[in-house]
Amino acid sequence: MTAFLTAIEAHALETRAGRDDTGNRSARKGFFTDTTLCIGCKACEVACKQWNQLPDDGFNFSAMSYDNTVELGASTWRHVSFIERPMALSNQDAGGFSWLFNSDVCKHCVRAGCLESCPTGAIVRTEFDSVYVQPDICNGCGYCVVSCPFGVIDRREDDGRAWKCTLCYDRLKAGMEPACAKACPTDSIKFGDLPALQQIARQRVERLHKDGLPEAYLYGADAADQPGTEGLNAFFLLVDKPEAYNLPPDPVTPAKKAKEAWISFACAAAGLAAAAIGSVIAGRKRG
């Protein structure tokens, strides 16, 4: 079961987040999900629910192919999506389709909107550079929910608190890999040190390009690839546009838009003031 953190422990983690004992930022852990290897078996979903003792999502027919969980949520921290793509119509494959699979998860953003918007300090960054929600401190305000550009974090109906993937923090503390990665039979979900994962991912893309899959690319691998979040600690290899996987094409942490929002507000206020002054002047001239 996921271990809770005390306020003192949480503050200590924030101070040394992502750094080893020497202070170097080399302790960053994360996921690299290769969608070309995913077979849609949902072993990761089951392992995640089992280890974290998550409640079921109801047993309702979604009418969305073989997808019964539909999306990430407070009780679904790993979600395997089934994407059906129509094939090019011809005499041989008229009406046919191909599959895309993706095991989605919290991205543990380098610049995390949920963490920056939390007013109680319930969301912290751990020593593994993951983003962790402390349920005993969360007050259920929901600011984190609206601040996540990926729509990952959510509140449970029974208690109103926010929940999401913890990167299996309790397992990492014990030197174990996350349950989802451990259970994946095709190694579609790779876990490890982030720099090593990034290198593996780039080599995989090069290999796929040589093997005749030029559309393969990395999503959120680093800050250059995704400046709006400054990179993701859980990134993906995709072969279609992000929207096909229900991922935003250009996610941005809300705080990054604060400056332009204030500039827009100032311009609007100045415009209203100018209009008011002009109205007064025009009224005096008529008088």
Protein backbone atom coordinates (compact mmCIF):
# COMPACT_ATOMS: atom_id res chain seq x y z
CA MET A 1 0.00 0.00 0.00
CA THR A 2 1.24 3.50 -0.84
CA ALA A 3 3.07 5.09 2.10
CA PHE A 4 2.00 8.53 3.30
CA LEU A 5 4.50 11.29 3.98
CA THR A 6 4.62 13.59 6.97
CA ALA A 7 4.90 17.34 6.39
CA ILE A 8 8.55 17.29 7.51
CA GLU A 9 9.38 14.40 5.17
CA ALA A 10 7.60 16.14 2.30
CA HIS A 11 9.59 19.34 2.82
CA ALA A 12 12.84 17.36 2.86
CA LEU A 13 11.89 15.67 -0.41
CA GLU A 14 11.11 18.98 -2.09
CA THR A 15 14.52 20.27 -1.04
CA ARG A 16 16.46 17.40 -2.57
CA ALA A 17 14.04 16.37 -5.33
CA GLY A 18 15.72 14.51 -8.16
CA ARG A 19 19.18 14.74 -6.66
CA ASP A 20 21.49 12.06 -5.37
CA ASP A 21 23.53 12.17 -2.16
CA THR A 22 26.13 14.43 -3.81
CA GLY A 23 23.51 16.99 -4.86
CA ASN A 24 23.67 16.09 -8.55
CA ARG A 25 20.37 15.91 -10.42
CA SER A 26 20.88 12.29 -11.45
CA ALA A 27 18.26 10.51 -9.34
CA ARG A 28 15.42 11.27 -11.76
CA LYS A 29 13.28 8.23 -12.46
CA GLY A 30 10.53 7.84 -15.00
CA PHE A 31 8.68 5.84 -17.63
CA PHE A 32 9.28 5.45 -21.33
CA THR A 33 6.16 3.96 -22.91
CA ASP A 34 6.74 2.52 -26.39
CA THR A 35 3.29 2.29 -27.97
CA THR A 36 4.61 0.17 -30.85
CA LEU A 37 5.24 -2.66 -28.37
CA CYS A 38 1.96 -2.40 -26.48
CA ILE A 39 -0.47 -5.27 -27.22
CA GLY A 40 -3.38 -3.90 -25.19
CA CYS A 41 -3.36 -6.73 -22.65
CA LYS A 42 -4.08 -4.35 -19.73
CA ALA A 43 -1.70 -6.23 -17.42
CA CYS A 44 -0.38 -2.83 -16.31
CA GLU A 45 -3.87 -1.65 -15.37
CA VAL A 46 -4.52 -4.76 -13.31
CA ALA A 47 -1.11 -4.66 -11.59
CA CYS A 48 -1.55 -0.97 -10.73
CA LYS A 49 -4.98 -1.51 -9.20
CA GLN A 50 -3.85 -4.61 -7.32
CA TRP A 51 -0.72 -3.10 -5.81
CA ASN A 52 -2.28 0.24 -4.89
CA GLN A 53 -5.57 -1.36 -3.78
CA LEU A 54 -7.59 0.94 -6.01
CA PRO A 55 -11.38 0.59 -6.20
CA ASP A 56 -13.08 -0.52 -9.40
CA ASP A 57 -14.54 1.98 -11.85
CA GLY A 58 -17.88 0.25 -12.15
CA PHE A 59 -18.71 -2.50 -14.58
CA ASN A 60 -20.49 -0.55 -17.26
CA PHE A 61 -20.39 -1.12 -21.01
CA SER A 62 -18.53 1.87 -22.49
CA ALA A 63 -19.23 1.05 -26.17
CA MET A 64 -15.65 2.17 -26.86
CA SER A 65 -14.15 -0.89 -28.48
CA TYR A 66 -12.49 -3.07 -25.82
CA ASP A 67 -11.89 -0.10 -23.52
CA ASN A 68 -13.93 -0.41 -20.34
CA THR A 69 -12.08 2.14 -18.18
CA VAL A 70 -12.24 4.93 -20.81
CA GLU A 71 -9.79 7.36 -19.18
CA LEU A 72 -7.39 8.06 -16.33
CA GLY A 73 -9.01 9.03 -13.06
CA ALA A 74 -8.87 8.91 -9.29
CA SER A 75 -9.16 5.12 -9.26
CA THR A 76 -7.47 4.39 -12.61
CA TRP A 77 -3.81 5.38 -12.57
CA ARG A 78 -2.88 3.37 -15.69
CA HIS A 79 -5.23 3.28 -18.65
CA VAL A 80 -4.72 1.30 -21.84
CA SER A 81 -6.52 2.99 -24.71
CA PHE A 82 -7.65 1.14 -27.83
CA ILE A 83 -7.56 3.37 -30.92
CA GLU A 84 -9.11 2.07 -34.12
CA ARG A 85 -7.79 3.63 -37.34
CA PRO A 86 -9.47 3.08 -40.73
CA MET A 87 -7.12 1.51 -43.25
CA ALA A 88 -6.63 2.91 -46.74
CA LEU A 89 -9.59 1.70 -48.75
CA SER A 90 -8.84 -0.75 -51.53
CA ASN A 91 -10.37 -3.87 -53.00
CA GLN A 92 -8.53 -5.98 -50.45
CA ASP A 93 -9.10 -4.06 -47.20
CA ALA A 94 -12.31 -2.10 -47.77
CA GLY A 95 -13.79 -1.26 -44.40
CA GLY A 96 -10.77 -2.59 -42.49
CA PHE A 97 -8.99 -0.93 -39.62
CA SER A 98 -5.74 -1.08 -37.67
CA TRP A 99 -5.09 -0.79 -33.95
CA LEU A 100 -3.11 1.67 -31.89
CA PHE A 101 -2.57 0.91 -28.21
CA ASN A 102 -1.22 3.20 -25.53
CA SER A 103 -0.79 2.69 -21.80
CA ASP A 104 -1.38 6.19 -20.48
CA VAL A 105 -0.30 7.41 -17.05
CA CYS A 106 0.47 10.57 -15.08
CA LYS A 107 3.33 12.36 -16.84
CA HIS A 108 5.07 13.58 -13.64
CA CYS A 109 5.81 16.80 -15.52
CA VAL A 110 9.10 18.59 -14.92
CA ARG A 111 6.98 21.74 -14.57
CA ALA A 112 3.87 20.31 -12.89
CA GLY A 113 0.74 22.44 -12.95
CA CYS A 114 -0.92 20.39 -10.21
CA LEU A 115 1.98 20.93 -7.82
CA GLU A 116 2.23 24.65 -8.53
CA SER A 117 -1.48 25.22 -7.93
CA CYS A 118 -1.87 23.20 -4.71
CA PRO A 119 -2.63 25.65 -1.84
CA THR A 120 -2.06 23.19 1.01
CA GLY A 121 1.31 21.68 0.06
CA ALA A 122 -0.34 18.29 -0.38
CA ILE A 123 1.47 17.77 -3.70
CA VAL A 124 5.25 17.46 -3.49
CA ARG A 125 8.15 16.36 -5.65
CA THR A 126 9.95 13.30 -4.33
CA GLU A 127 13.63 12.42 -4.35
CA PHE A 128 12.94 10.46 -7.56
CA ASP A 129 11.63 13.66 -9.22
CA SER A 130 8.12 12.22 -9.33
CA VAL A 131 5.02 14.23 -8.37
CA TYR A 132 3.29 12.81 -5.30
CA VAL A 133 -0.10 13.64 -3.75
CA GLN A 134 -0.36 13.28 0.02
CA PRO A 135 -3.97 12.22 0.60
CA ASP A 136 -3.86 13.02 4.32
CA ILE A 137 -3.15 16.69 3.52
CA CYS A 138 -5.32 17.13 0.42
CA ASN A 139 -8.45 19.18 1.19
CA GLY A 140 -10.22 18.40 -2.06
CA CYS A 141 -10.19 21.97 -3.41
CA GLY A 142 -9.73 20.75 -6.98
CA TYR A 143 -7.23 23.42 -8.08
CA CYS A 144 -4.86 20.67 -9.20
CA VAL A 145 -7.55 19.08 -11.36
CA VAL A 146 -8.08 22.18 -13.49
CA SER A 147 -4.33 22.93 -13.60
CA CYS A 148 -3.26 19.63 -15.17
CA PRO A 149 -2.90 20.12 -18.95
CA PHE A 150 -3.35 16.37 -19.47
CA GLY A 151 -6.51 15.90 -17.39
CA VAL A 152 -4.80 13.21 -15.32
CA ILE A 153 -5.45 14.03 -11.68
CA ASP A 154 -9.00 13.64 -10.41
CA ARG A 155 -11.04 13.56 -7.20
CA ARG A 156 -12.87 10.56 -5.83
CA GLU A 157 -16.59 10.92 -5.35
CA ASP A 158 -16.58 9.27 -1.93
CA ASP A 159 -14.09 11.59 -0.18
CA GLY A 160 -13.43 14.44 -2.63
CA ARG A 161 -9.64 14.12 -2.40
CA ALA A 162 -7.33 14.13 -5.42
CA TRP A 163 -5.56 10.95 -6.51
CA LYS A 164 -3.19 9.90 -9.28
CA CYS A 165 -0.17 7.72 -10.06
CA THR A 166 2.55 7.88 -7.40
CA LEU A 167 5.18 6.19 -9.59
CA CYS A 168 4.82 3.44 -6.98
CA TYR A 169 6.75 5.54 -4.48
CA ASP A 170 6.60 2.82 -1.84
CA ARG A 171 8.10 0.28 -4.25
CA LEU A 172 10.86 2.70 -5.31
CA LYS A 173 11.80 3.25 -1.67
CA ALA A 174 12.24 -0.52 -1.40
CA GLY A 175 14.39 -0.71 -4.55
CA MET A 176 11.60 -2.23 -6.67
CA GLU A 177 10.29 -1.07 -10.04
CA PRO A 178 6.69 0.16 -10.38
CA ALA A 179 4.02 -2.52 -10.58
CA CYS A 180 2.89 -1.60 -14.10
CA ALA A 181 6.38 -1.86 -15.61
CA LYS A 182 7.02 -5.11 -13.73
CA ALA A 183 3.85 -6.66 -15.16
CA CYS A 184 4.25 -5.54 -18.80
CA PRO A 185 4.91 -8.71 -20.86
CA THR A 186 6.32 -6.91 -23.93
CA ASP A 187 8.49 -4.35 -22.12
CA SER A 188 6.37 -1.59 -23.64
CA ILE A 189 6.64 0.23 -20.30
CA LYS A 190 10.26 0.84 -19.45
CA PHE A 191 11.26 2.24 -16.06
CA GLY A 192 14.63 3.59 -14.98
CA ASP A 193 16.90 6.61 -14.79
CA LEU A 194 15.49 9.30 -17.02
CA PRO A 195 18.69 10.11 -18.99
CA ALA A 196 19.13 6.42 -19.83
CA LEU A 197 15.50 6.11 -20.88
CA GLN A 198 15.82 9.13 -23.16
CA GLN A 199 18.82 7.56 -24.87
CA ILE A 200 17.00 4.23 -25.29
CA ALA A 201 13.97 6.05 -26.70
CA ARG A 202 15.97 7.98 -29.28
CA GLN A 203 17.72 4.80 -30.42
CA ARG A 204 14.33 3.10 -30.72
CA VAL A 205 13.00 5.91 -32.93
CA GLU A 206 16.08 5.67 -35.18
CA ARG A 207 15.58 1.93 -35.48
CA LEU A 208 11.92 2.28 -36.39
CA HIS A 209 12.76 4.89 -39.02
CA LYS A 210 15.26 2.51 -40.61
CA ASP A 211 12.70 -0.30 -40.46
CA GLY A 212 10.19 1.70 -42.49
CA LEU A 213 8.18 3.52 -39.83
CA PRO A 214 9.14 7.18 -40.42
CA GLU A 215 6.11 8.48 -38.49
CA ALA A 216 7.55 7.31 -35.14
CA TYR A 217 8.50 10.16 -32.80
CA LEU A 218 8.91 10.98 -29.10
CA TYR A 219 6.31 12.91 -27.15
CA GLY A 220 7.51 14.92 -24.14
CA ALA A 221 10.99 13.42 -23.94
CA ASP A 222 12.64 16.72 -22.92
CA ALA A 223 12.15 20.46 -22.59
CA ALA A 224 13.05 21.12 -26.22
CA ASP A 225 10.35 18.70 -27.34
CA GLN A 226 7.70 20.04 -24.97
CA PRO A 227 8.56 23.51 -23.61
CA GLY A 228 5.13 24.04 -22.10
CA THR A 229 5.85 21.44 -19.40
CA GLU A 230 9.66 21.55 -19.70
CA GLY A 231 9.57 17.85 -20.48
CA LEU A 232 7.87 14.81 -18.99
CA ASN A 233 9.24 12.21 -16.61
CA ALA A 234 6.81 9.77 -18.23
CA PHE A 235 7.12 10.20 -21.98
CA PHE A 236 5.94 8.24 -25.02
CA LEU A 237 6.84 6.96 -28.46
CA LEU A 238 3.92 7.61 -30.80
CA VAL A 239 3.20 6.87 -34.46
CA ASP A 240 0.25 9.20 -34.97
CA LYS A 241 -0.64 12.74 -33.94
CA PRO A 242 -1.04 13.22 -30.17
CA GLU A 243 -4.77 13.83 -30.47
CA ALA A 244 -5.23 10.26 -31.72
CA TYR A 245 -3.99 9.08 -28.31
CA ASN A 246 -6.09 11.66 -26.42
CA LEU A 247 -2.95 13.66 -25.67
CA PRO A 248 -2.75 17.45 -26.12
CA PRO A 249 -0.50 18.55 -29.00
CA ASP A 250 1.02 21.46 -27.09
CA PRO A 251 0.40 21.15 -23.33
CA VAL A 252 1.32 24.15 -21.20
CA THR A 253 1.50 24.46 -17.43
CA PRO A 254 -0.99 27.23 -16.51
CA ALA A 255 1.57 29.26 -14.52
CA LYS A 256 3.57 29.72 -17.73
CA LYS A 257 0.66 31.71 -19.14
CA ALA A 258 0.36 34.00 -16.11
CA LYS A 259 2.51 36.76 -17.59
CA GLU A 260 0.62 36.99 -20.87
CA ALA A 261 -2.67 36.75 -18.96
CA TRP A 262 -1.74 39.76 -16.86
CA ILE A 263 -0.58 41.64 -19.96
CA SER A 264 -3.92 40.92 -21.63
CA PHE A 265 -5.73 42.05 -18.50
CA ALA A 266 -3.69 45.26 -18.36
CA CYS A 267 -4.38 45.98 -22.05
CA ALA A 268 -8.08 45.35 -21.56
CA ALA A 269 -8.15 47.59 -18.49
CA ALA A 270 -6.29 50.32 -20.36
CA GLY A 271 -8.73 50.01 -23.24
CA LEU A 272 -11.72 50.34 -20.93
CA ALA A 273 -10.14 53.34 -19.22
CA ALA A 274 -9.44 55.00 -22.57
CA ALA A 275 -13.01 54.36 -23.68
CA ALA A 276 -14.37 55.83 -20.45
CA ILE A 277 -12.20 58.92 -20.72
CA GLY A 278 -13.18 59.35 -24.36
CA SER A 279 -16.83 59.09 -23.45
CA VAL A 280 -16.47 61.76 -20.77
CA ILE A 281 -14.63 64.11 -23.13
CA ALA A 282 -17.20 63.58 -25.87
CA GLY A 283 -20.00 64.26 -23.40
CA ARG A 284 -18.45 67.53 -22.30
CA LYS A 285 -18.02 68.67 -25.90
CA ARG A 286 -21.67 68.01 -26.61
CA GLY A 287 -22.59 69.91 -23.45
